[in-house]
Amino acid sequence: MLREQLPDSLLRRRPTRLGNNDEMTLQTIELETGPNPTASIIVLHGLGADGNDFVPIAEELRLGPIGPVRFVFPHAPVRPVTINGGMAMRAWYDLLHADLVRREDEAGLRASRLDIEALIAKERERGIASSRIVLAGFSQGCAMTLLTGLRHTERLAGLVGLSGYLPLADTTAVERSAASMALPVFLAHGTGDSVVPLARAAAARDALQALGCVVDWHEYPMAHSVCPQEVADLNHWLLRLLGPAQG
């Protein structure tokens, strides 16, 4: 994918560690487009990747009207993944069946949700209002974004779900926070995705709309990946969401 590198003066990168206890911490990478950020975008990678995976895409975004933005890219814990023969890799939760939702690792999902909540809390401690925090993710990261964002007790700016699905769907309506009512959600998926079928993403879209979320739905002629038009559409959505007109 072609991209234009941000000038060094506009981009600062550093590794950090934070978490909800001493035993389990999430390593993170941070990018800031300027000093004193006024918005934060937390980006959750997919199965087997790490926080570096979406750094190039963040560097493609042009969010100048929003003001300085902090991107936070956490690394998921390393754990055995059942559908990959028990091989250990970075994963937000175990995958027990290729169907994705037939048997779910509820304990793993809920544990990672706590770690992601700690990331959000850290941004709040650094002075970023909840209404200026976007939670985003790809594949497993999308699943964690929807799981966490719908249950977060404060109103977030919005959620971004790329090539993923809604986990623990049967409990979402009961557990969702009142703060997620009319929450803006950008959902994008490839029509040729053989890892997470388009029907699974469409079911997530329908469920979120039934819960009152404002879903901006996009389909692209791609597989389980990200394409340039998707990045451009996401850029426009973020500008509308966080730009001056939205305060």
C-alpha atoms as a PDB file:
ATOM      1  CA  MET A   1       0.000   0.000   0.000  1.00  0.00           C
ATOM      2  CA  LEU A   2       1.411   3.374  -0.952  1.00  0.00           C
ATOM      3  CA  ARG A   3       1.607   5.878   1.858  1.00  0.00           C
ATOM      4  CA  GLU A   4       3.116   9.279   2.551  1.00  0.00           C
ATOM      5  CA  GLN A   5       5.326   9.349   5.647  1.00  0.00           C
ATOM      6  CA  LEU A   6       4.426  11.978   8.234  1.00  0.00           C
ATOM      7  CA  PRO A   7       7.204  14.496   8.896  1.00  0.00           C
ATOM      8  CA  ASP A   8       9.326  13.527  11.894  1.00  0.00           C
ATOM      9  CA  SER A   9       8.322  16.744  13.659  1.00  0.00           C
ATOM     10  CA  LEU A  10       4.686  15.622  13.615  1.00  0.00           C
ATOM     11  CA  LEU A  11       5.230  12.049  14.708  1.00  0.00           C
ATOM     12  CA  ARG A  12       6.592  10.778  17.998  1.00  0.00           C
ATOM     13  CA  ARG A  13       6.823   7.080  18.741  1.00  0.00           C
ATOM     14  CA  ARG A  14       7.627   5.347  22.008  1.00  0.00           C
ATOM     15  CA  PRO A  15       7.005   1.961  23.656  1.00  0.00           C
ATOM     16  CA  THR A  16       5.138   1.941  26.964  1.00  0.00           C
ATOM     17  CA  ARG A  17       3.723  -0.562  29.422  1.00  0.00           C
ATOM     18  CA  LEU A  18       0.478  -0.330  31.310  1.00  0.00           C
ATOM     19  CA  GLY A  19      -2.184  -2.652  32.616  1.00  0.00           C
ATOM     20  CA  ASN A  20      -4.766  -3.311  35.301  1.00  0.00           C
ATOM     21  CA  ASN A  21      -2.390  -5.126  37.647  1.00  0.00           C
ATOM     22  CA  ASP A  22       1.263  -6.007  38.098  1.00  0.00           C
ATOM     23  CA  GLU A  23       0.838  -9.572  36.831  1.00  0.00           C
ATOM     24  CA  MET A  24      -0.852  -8.728  33.532  1.00  0.00           C
ATOM     25  CA  THR A  25       0.292  -5.659  31.625  1.00  0.00           C
ATOM     26  CA  LEU A  26      -0.125  -4.743  28.003  1.00  0.00           C
ATOM     27  CA  GLN A  27       2.885  -3.502  26.099  1.00  0.00           C
ATOM     28  CA  THR A  28       1.925  -0.629  23.815  1.00  0.00           C
ATOM     29  CA  ILE A  29       3.330   1.558  21.061  1.00  0.00           C
ATOM     30  CA  GLU A  30       2.260   5.183  20.922  1.00  0.00           C
ATOM     31  CA  LEU A  31       2.234   7.693  18.087  1.00  0.00           C
ATOM     32  CA  GLU A  32       1.423  11.368  18.633  1.00  0.00           C
ATOM     33  CA  THR A  33       0.800  13.754  15.756  1.00  0.00           C
ATOM     34  CA  GLY A  34       1.696  16.724  17.938  1.00  0.00           C
ATOM     35  CA  PRO A  35       2.236  17.805  21.544  1.00  0.00           C
ATOM     36  CA  ASN A  36      -0.609  17.736  24.041  1.00  0.00           C
ATOM     37  CA  PRO A  37      -3.043  15.462  22.178  1.00  0.00           C
ATOM     38  CA  THR A  38      -6.735  16.297  22.421  1.00  0.00           C
ATOM     39  CA  ALA A  39      -8.015  12.931  21.165  1.00  0.00           C
ATOM     40  CA  SER A  40      -6.904   9.309  21.438  1.00  0.00           C
ATOM     41  CA  ILE A  41      -7.414   6.365  19.082  1.00  0.00           C
ATOM     42  CA  ILE A  42      -6.738   2.925  20.569  1.00  0.00           C
ATOM     43  CA  VAL A  43      -6.125   0.330  17.844  1.00  0.00           C
ATOM     44  CA  LEU A  44      -6.367  -3.421  18.545  1.00  0.00           C
ATOM     45  CA  HIS A  45      -4.579  -5.783  16.157  1.00  0.00           C
ATOM     46  CA  GLY A  46      -5.713  -9.164  14.863  1.00  0.00           C
ATOM     47  CA  LEU A  47      -4.726 -12.745  15.701  1.00  0.00           C
ATOM     48  CA  GLY A  48      -1.001 -13.448  15.471  1.00  0.00           C
ATOM     49  CA  ALA A  49      -0.036  -9.830  14.766  1.00  0.00           C
ATOM     50  CA  ASP A  50       1.069  -7.182  17.252  1.00  0.00           C
ATOM     51  CA  GLY A  51       0.735  -3.465  17.829  1.00  0.00           C
ATOM     52  CA  ASN A  52       3.082  -2.647  14.965  1.00  0.00           C
ATOM     53  CA  ASP A  53       0.609  -4.020  12.435  1.00  0.00           C
ATOM     54  CA  PHE A  54      -1.534  -0.908  12.101  1.00  0.00           C
ATOM     55  CA  VAL A  55       1.129   1.754  12.621  1.00  0.00           C
ATOM     56  CA  PRO A  56       1.525   2.253   8.833  1.00  0.00           C
ATOM     57  CA  ILE A  57      -2.217   2.786   8.457  1.00  0.00           C
ATOM     58  CA  ALA A  58      -2.255   5.362  11.246  1.00  0.00           C
ATOM     59  CA  GLU A  59       0.544   7.135   9.386  1.00  0.00           C
ATOM     60  CA  GLU A  60      -1.691   7.316   6.293  1.00  0.00           C
ATOM     61  CA  LEU A  61      -4.502   9.138   8.100  1.00  0.00           C
ATOM     62  CA  ARG A  62      -4.695  12.893   7.723  1.00  0.00           C
ATOM     63  CA  LEU A  63      -6.486  14.191  10.796  1.00  0.00           C
ATOM     64  CA  GLY A  64      -5.099  17.709  11.056  1.00  0.00           C
ATOM     65  CA  PRO A  65      -8.461  19.468  11.667  1.00  0.00           C
ATOM     66  CA  ILE A  66      -8.985  17.316  14.752  1.00  0.00           C
ATOM     67  CA  GLY A  67      -5.851  18.670  16.424  1.00  0.00           C
ATOM     68  CA  PRO A  68      -3.054  16.568  17.956  1.00  0.00           C
ATOM     69  CA  VAL A  69      -4.007  12.877  18.180  1.00  0.00           C
ATOM     70  CA  ARG A  70      -2.463  10.083  20.236  1.00  0.00           C
ATOM     71  CA  PHE A  71      -2.586   6.583  18.719  1.00  0.00           C
ATOM     72  CA  VAL A  72      -2.188   3.701  21.155  1.00  0.00           C
ATOM     73  CA  PHE A  73      -1.301   0.270  19.728  1.00  0.00           C
ATOM     74  CA  PRO A  74      -1.297  -2.458  22.404  1.00  0.00           C
ATOM     75  CA  HIS A  75       0.205  -5.927  21.966  1.00  0.00           C
ATOM     76  CA  ALA A  76      -2.172  -8.747  22.930  1.00  0.00           C
ATOM     77  CA  PRO A  77      -0.858 -11.390  25.354  1.00  0.00           C
ATOM     78  CA  VAL A  78       0.813 -14.515  23.956  1.00  0.00           C
ATOM     79  CA  ARG A  79      -1.392 -17.594  24.444  1.00  0.00           C
ATOM     80  CA  PRO A  80      -2.054 -20.989  22.837  1.00  0.00           C
ATOM     81  CA  VAL A  81      -4.699 -20.837  20.091  1.00  0.00           C
ATOM     82  CA  THR A  82      -6.755 -24.007  19.743  1.00  0.00           C
ATOM     83  CA  ILE A  83      -7.671 -23.746  16.050  1.00  0.00           C
ATOM     84  CA  ASN A  84      -3.981 -23.264  15.228  1.00  0.00           C
ATOM     85  CA  GLY A  85      -3.015 -26.545  16.870  1.00  0.00           C
ATOM     86  CA  GLY A  86      -2.306 -24.940  20.220  1.00  0.00           C
ATOM     87  CA  MET A  87       0.490 -22.792  18.814  1.00  0.00           C
ATOM     88  CA  ALA A  88       1.300 -19.842  21.074  1.00  0.00           C
ATOM     89  CA  MET A  89       0.853 -16.419  19.485  1.00  0.00           C
ATOM     90  CA  ARG A  90      -0.464 -12.994  20.317  1.00  0.00           C
ATOM     91  CA  ALA A  91      -4.226 -13.268  20.690  1.00  0.00           C
ATOM     92  CA  TRP A  92      -6.859 -11.366  22.615  1.00  0.00           C
ATOM     93  CA  TYR A  93      -8.612 -14.672  23.346  1.00  0.00           C
ATOM     94  CA  ASP A  94      -8.509 -18.322  22.311  1.00  0.00           C
ATOM     95  CA  LEU A  95     -10.335 -19.444  19.180  1.00  0.00           C
ATOM     96  CA  LEU A  96     -11.941 -22.808  19.864  1.00  0.00           C
ATOM     97  CA  HIS A  97     -13.726 -23.369  16.551  1.00  0.00           C
ATOM     98  CA  ALA A  98     -13.363 -22.056  13.014  1.00  0.00           C
ATOM     99  CA  ASP A  99     -17.017 -20.989  13.166  1.00  0.00           C
ATOM    100  CA  LEU A 100     -15.816 -18.269  15.596  1.00  0.00           C
ATOM    101  CA  VAL A 101     -19.024 -18.141  17.667  1.00  0.00           C
ATOM    102  CA  ARG A 102     -20.057 -21.796  18.031  1.00  0.00           C
ATOM    103  CA  ARG A 103     -17.792 -22.119  21.072  1.00  0.00           C
ATOM    104  CA  GLU A 104     -16.370 -18.895  22.477  1.00  0.00           C
ATOM    105  CA  ASP A 105     -13.569 -18.319  24.964  1.00  0.00           C
ATOM    106  CA  GLU A 106     -15.720 -16.233  27.267  1.00  0.00           C
ATOM    107  CA  ALA A 107     -13.111 -16.103  30.039  1.00  0.00           C
ATOM    108  CA  GLY A 108     -10.434 -14.902  27.628  1.00  0.00           C
ATOM    109  CA  LEU A 109     -12.739 -12.326  26.060  1.00  0.00           C
ATOM    110  CA  ARG A 110     -13.712 -10.880  29.409  1.00  0.00           C
ATOM    111  CA  ALA A 111     -10.123 -10.829  30.703  1.00  0.00           C
ATOM    112  CA  SER A 112      -8.914  -8.911  27.649  1.00  0.00           C
ATOM    113  CA  ARG A 113     -11.814  -6.521  28.027  1.00  0.00           C
ATOM    114  CA  LEU A 114     -10.435  -5.546  31.460  1.00  0.00           C
ATOM    115  CA  ASP A 115      -7.011  -4.881  29.956  1.00  0.00           C
ATOM    116  CA  ILE A 116      -8.546  -2.697  27.255  1.00  0.00           C
ATOM    117  CA  GLU A 117     -10.595  -0.843  29.862  1.00  0.00           C
ATOM    118  CA  ALA A 118      -7.245  -0.092  31.543  1.00  0.00           C
ATOM    119  CA  LEU A 119      -6.017   1.476  28.304  1.00  0.00           C
ATOM    120  CA  ILE A 120      -9.086   3.703  28.178  1.00  0.00           C
ATOM    121  CA  ALA A 121      -8.656   4.635  31.853  1.00  0.00           C
ATOM    122  CA  LYS A 122      -5.033   5.596  31.180  1.00  0.00           C
ATOM    123  CA  GLU A 123      -6.114   8.000  28.452  1.00  0.00           C
ATOM    124  CA  ARG A 124      -8.666   9.524  30.820  1.00  0.00           C
ATOM    125  CA  GLU A 125      -5.907   9.975  33.424  1.00  0.00           C
ATOM    126  CA  ARG A 126      -3.847  11.804  30.810  1.00  0.00           C
ATOM    127  CA  GLY A 127      -6.655  14.299  30.308  1.00  0.00           C
ATOM    128  CA  ILE A 128      -8.457  12.912  27.246  1.00  0.00           C
ATOM    129  CA  ALA A 129     -12.240  13.067  27.662  1.00  0.00           C
ATOM    130  CA  SER A 130     -14.143   9.848  26.974  1.00  0.00           C
ATOM    131  CA  SER A 131     -15.968  11.673  24.188  1.00  0.00           C
ATOM    132  CA  ARG A 132     -12.583  12.125  22.466  1.00  0.00           C
ATOM    133  CA  ILE A 133     -11.521   8.456  22.648  1.00  0.00           C
ATOM    134  CA  VAL A 134     -12.067   6.116  19.699  1.00  0.00           C
ATOM    135  CA  LEU A 135     -11.689   2.361  20.114  1.00  0.00           C
ATOM    136  CA  ALA A 136     -10.752   0.539  16.914  1.00  0.00           C
ATOM    137  CA  GLY A 137      -9.746  -2.969  15.909  1.00  0.00           C
ATOM    138  CA  PHE A 138      -9.165  -5.482  13.118  1.00  0.00           C
ATOM    139  CA  SER A 139     -10.523  -9.073  13.172  1.00  0.00           C
ATOM    140  CA  GLN A 140     -10.033 -10.257  16.789  1.00  0.00           C
ATOM    141  CA  GLY A 141      -9.327  -6.622  17.598  1.00  0.00           C
ATOM    142  CA  CYS A 142     -12.697  -5.711  16.078  1.00  0.00           C
ATOM    143  CA  ALA A 143     -14.386  -8.300  18.283  1.00  0.00           C
ATOM    144  CA  MET A 144     -12.702  -6.808  21.361  1.00  0.00           C
ATOM    145  CA  THR A 145     -13.616  -3.279  20.239  1.00  0.00           C
ATOM    146  CA  LEU A 146     -17.317  -4.135  20.020  1.00  0.00           C
ATOM    147  CA  LEU A 147     -17.274  -6.201  23.215  1.00  0.00           C
ATOM    148  CA  THR A 148     -15.597  -3.454  25.229  1.00  0.00           C
ATOM    149  CA  GLY A 149     -17.061  -0.361  23.610  1.00  0.00           C
ATOM    150  CA  LEU A 150     -20.680  -1.416  24.031  1.00  0.00           C
ATOM    151  CA  ARG A 151     -20.113  -2.165  27.727  1.00  0.00           C
ATOM    152  CA  HIS A 152     -17.975   0.852  28.620  1.00  0.00           C
ATOM    153  CA  THR A 153     -19.769   2.925  31.239  1.00  0.00           C
ATOM    154  CA  GLU A 154     -18.823   6.328  29.780  1.00  0.00           C
ATOM    155  CA  ARG A 155     -19.719   7.612  26.342  1.00  0.00           C
ATOM    156  CA  LEU A 156     -16.876   7.067  23.893  1.00  0.00           C
ATOM    157  CA  ALA A 157     -16.479   9.079  20.694  1.00  0.00           C
ATOM    158  CA  GLY A 158     -17.078   5.990  18.567  1.00  0.00           C
ATOM    159  CA  LEU A 159     -16.004   2.491  17.594  1.00  0.00           C
ATOM    160  CA  VAL A 160     -14.219   1.214  14.479  1.00  0.00           C
ATOM    161  CA  GLY A 161     -14.629  -2.449  13.537  1.00  0.00           C
ATOM    162  CA  LEU A 162     -12.629  -3.768  10.579  1.00  0.00           C
ATOM    163  CA  SER A 163     -13.099  -7.304   9.220  1.00  0.00           C
ATOM    164  CA  GLY A 164     -14.535  -8.648  12.460  1.00  0.00           C
ATOM    165  CA  TYR A 165     -17.671  -9.746  14.251  1.00  0.00           C
ATOM    166  CA  LEU A 166     -19.672  -9.334  17.475  1.00  0.00           C
ATOM    167  CA  PRO A 167     -18.594 -11.771  20.232  1.00  0.00           C
ATOM    168  CA  LEU A 168     -20.830 -12.884  23.116  1.00  0.00           C
ATOM    169  CA  ALA A 169     -23.746 -11.656  21.033  1.00  0.00           C
ATOM    170  CA  ASP A 170     -26.347 -13.368  23.226  1.00  0.00           C
ATOM    171  CA  THR A 171     -25.378 -11.289  26.276  1.00  0.00           C
ATOM    172  CA  THR A 172     -24.759  -7.961  24.553  1.00  0.00           C
ATOM    173  CA  ALA A 173     -28.265  -6.527  24.879  1.00  0.00           C
ATOM    174  CA  VAL A 174     -28.350  -7.241  28.614  1.00  0.00           C
ATOM    175  CA  GLU A 175     -24.789  -6.107  29.340  1.00  0.00           C
ATOM    176  CA  ARG A 176     -24.498  -3.076  27.069  1.00  0.00           C
ATOM    177  CA  SER A 177     -24.092   0.274  28.807  1.00  0.00           C
ATOM    178  CA  ALA A 178     -26.697   2.991  28.519  1.00  0.00           C
ATOM    179  CA  ALA A 179     -23.812   5.221  27.389  1.00  0.00           C
ATOM    180  CA  SER A 180     -23.570   3.237  24.143  1.00  0.00           C
ATOM    181  CA  MET A 181     -27.024   4.279  22.948  1.00  0.00           C
ATOM    182  CA  ALA A 182     -26.709   5.980  19.520  1.00  0.00           C
ATOM    183  CA  LEU A 183     -22.949   5.348  19.603  1.00  0.00           C
ATOM    184  CA  PRO A 184     -21.326   5.970  16.193  1.00  0.00           C
ATOM    185  CA  VAL A 185     -19.755   2.810  14.741  1.00  0.00           C
ATOM    186  CA  PHE A 186     -17.704   2.451  11.552  1.00  0.00           C
ATOM    187  CA  LEU A 187     -17.934  -1.155  10.292  1.00  0.00           C
ATOM    188  CA  ALA A 188     -16.025  -2.319   7.220  1.00  0.00           C
ATOM    189  CA  HIS A 189     -15.606  -5.756   5.665  1.00  0.00           C
ATOM    190  CA  GLY A 190     -14.317  -7.497   2.569  1.00  0.00           C
ATOM    191  CA  THR A 191     -16.797  -9.262   0.322  1.00  0.00           C
ATOM    192  CA  GLY A 192     -14.218 -12.004  -0.280  1.00  0.00           C
ATOM    193  CA  ASP A 193     -13.243 -12.530   3.363  1.00  0.00           C
ATOM    194  CA  SER A 194     -12.808 -16.274   3.994  1.00  0.00           C
ATOM    195  CA  VAL A 195     -11.590 -15.850   7.588  1.00  0.00           C
ATOM    196  CA  VAL A 196     -14.563 -13.891   8.943  1.00  0.00           C
ATOM    197  CA  PRO A 197     -17.415 -14.346   6.426  1.00  0.00           C
ATOM    198  CA  LEU A 198     -19.275 -11.243   5.342  1.00  0.00           C
ATOM    199  CA  ALA A 199     -22.476 -12.709   6.795  1.00  0.00           C
ATOM    200  CA  ARG A 200     -20.891 -12.683  10.263  1.00  0.00           C
ATOM    201  CA  ALA A 201     -20.068  -8.992   9.955  1.00  0.00           C
ATOM    202  CA  ALA A 202     -23.532  -8.215   8.581  1.00  0.00           C
ATOM    203  CA  ALA A 203     -25.050  -9.950  11.612  1.00  0.00           C
ATOM    204  CA  ALA A 204     -22.954  -7.670  13.834  1.00  0.00           C
ATOM    205  CA  ARG A 205     -24.187  -4.646  11.888  1.00  0.00           C
ATOM    206  CA  ASP A 206     -27.804  -5.692  12.321  1.00  0.00           C
ATOM    207  CA  ALA A 207     -27.341  -6.387  16.030  1.00  0.00           C
ATOM    208  CA  LEU A 208     -25.719  -3.002  16.631  1.00  0.00           C
ATOM    209  CA  GLN A 209     -28.438  -1.181  14.742  1.00  0.00           C
ATOM    210  CA  ALA A 210     -31.053  -3.029  16.804  1.00  0.00           C
ATOM    211  CA  LEU A 211     -29.272  -1.751  19.916  1.00  0.00           C
ATOM    212  CA  GLY A 212     -29.600   1.829  18.661  1.00  0.00           C
ATOM    213  CA  CYS A 213     -26.026   2.354  17.459  1.00  0.00           C
ATOM    214  CA  VAL A 214     -25.477   4.579  14.433  1.00  0.00           C
ATOM    215  CA  VAL A 215     -23.636   2.231  12.076  1.00  0.00           C
ATOM    216  CA  ASP A 216     -21.682   3.474   9.060  1.00  0.00           C
ATOM    217  CA  TRP A 217     -21.400   0.247   7.013  1.00  0.00           C
ATOM    218  CA  HIS A 218     -18.876  -0.341   4.218  1.00  0.00           C
ATOM    219  CA  GLU A 219     -18.120  -3.325   1.959  1.00  0.00           C
ATOM    220  CA  TYR A 220     -15.018  -3.614  -0.207  1.00  0.00           C
ATOM    221  CA  PRO A 221     -13.900  -6.116  -2.891  1.00  0.00           C
ATOM    222  CA  MET A 222     -11.090  -7.582  -0.781  1.00  0.00           C
ATOM    223  CA  ALA A 223     -10.217 -10.575   1.383  1.00  0.00           C
ATOM    224  CA  HIS A 224      -9.328 -10.478   5.106  1.00  0.00           C
ATOM    225  CA  SER A 225      -7.317  -7.301   4.798  1.00  0.00           C
ATOM    226  CA  VAL A 226      -7.429  -3.507   4.560  1.00  0.00           C
ATOM    227  CA  CYS A 227      -7.633  -1.542   1.306  1.00  0.00           C
ATOM    228  CA  PRO A 228      -6.818   2.102   0.423  1.00  0.00           C
ATOM    229  CA  GLN A 229     -10.471   3.093  -0.104  1.00  0.00           C
ATOM    230  CA  GLU A 230     -11.291   1.742   3.348  1.00  0.00           C
ATOM    231  CA  VAL A 231      -8.561   3.896   4.890  1.00  0.00           C
ATOM    232  CA  ALA A 232      -9.855   6.945   3.008  1.00  0.00           C
ATOM    233  CA  ASP A 233     -13.434   6.297   4.165  1.00  0.00           C
ATOM    234  CA  LEU A 234     -12.250   5.835   7.734  1.00  0.00           C
ATOM    235  CA  ASN A 235     -10.292   9.087   7.505  1.00  0.00           C
ATOM    236  CA  HIS A 236     -13.434  10.999   6.478  1.00  0.00           C
ATOM    237  CA  TRP A 237     -15.482   9.338   9.239  1.00  0.00           C
ATOM    238  CA  LEU A 238     -12.919  10.257  11.915  1.00  0.00           C
ATOM    239  CA  LEU A 239     -12.832  13.859  10.705  1.00  0.00           C
ATOM    240  CA  ARG A 240     -16.620  14.059  10.982  1.00  0.00           C
ATOM    241  CA  LEU A 241     -16.581  12.359  14.360  1.00  0.00           C
ATOM    242  CA  LEU A 242     -13.821  14.318  16.070  1.00  0.00           C
ATOM    243  CA  GLY A 243     -13.506  17.470  13.986  1.00  0.00           C
ATOM    244  CA  PRO A 244     -14.420  21.041  15.020  1.00  0.00           C
ATOM    245  CA  ALA A 245     -18.101  20.650  14.023  1.00  0.00           C
ATOM    246  CA  GLN A 246     -18.483  17.977  16.686  1.00  0.00           C
ATOM    247  CA  GLY A 247     -16.840  20.126  19.348  1.00  0.00           C
END
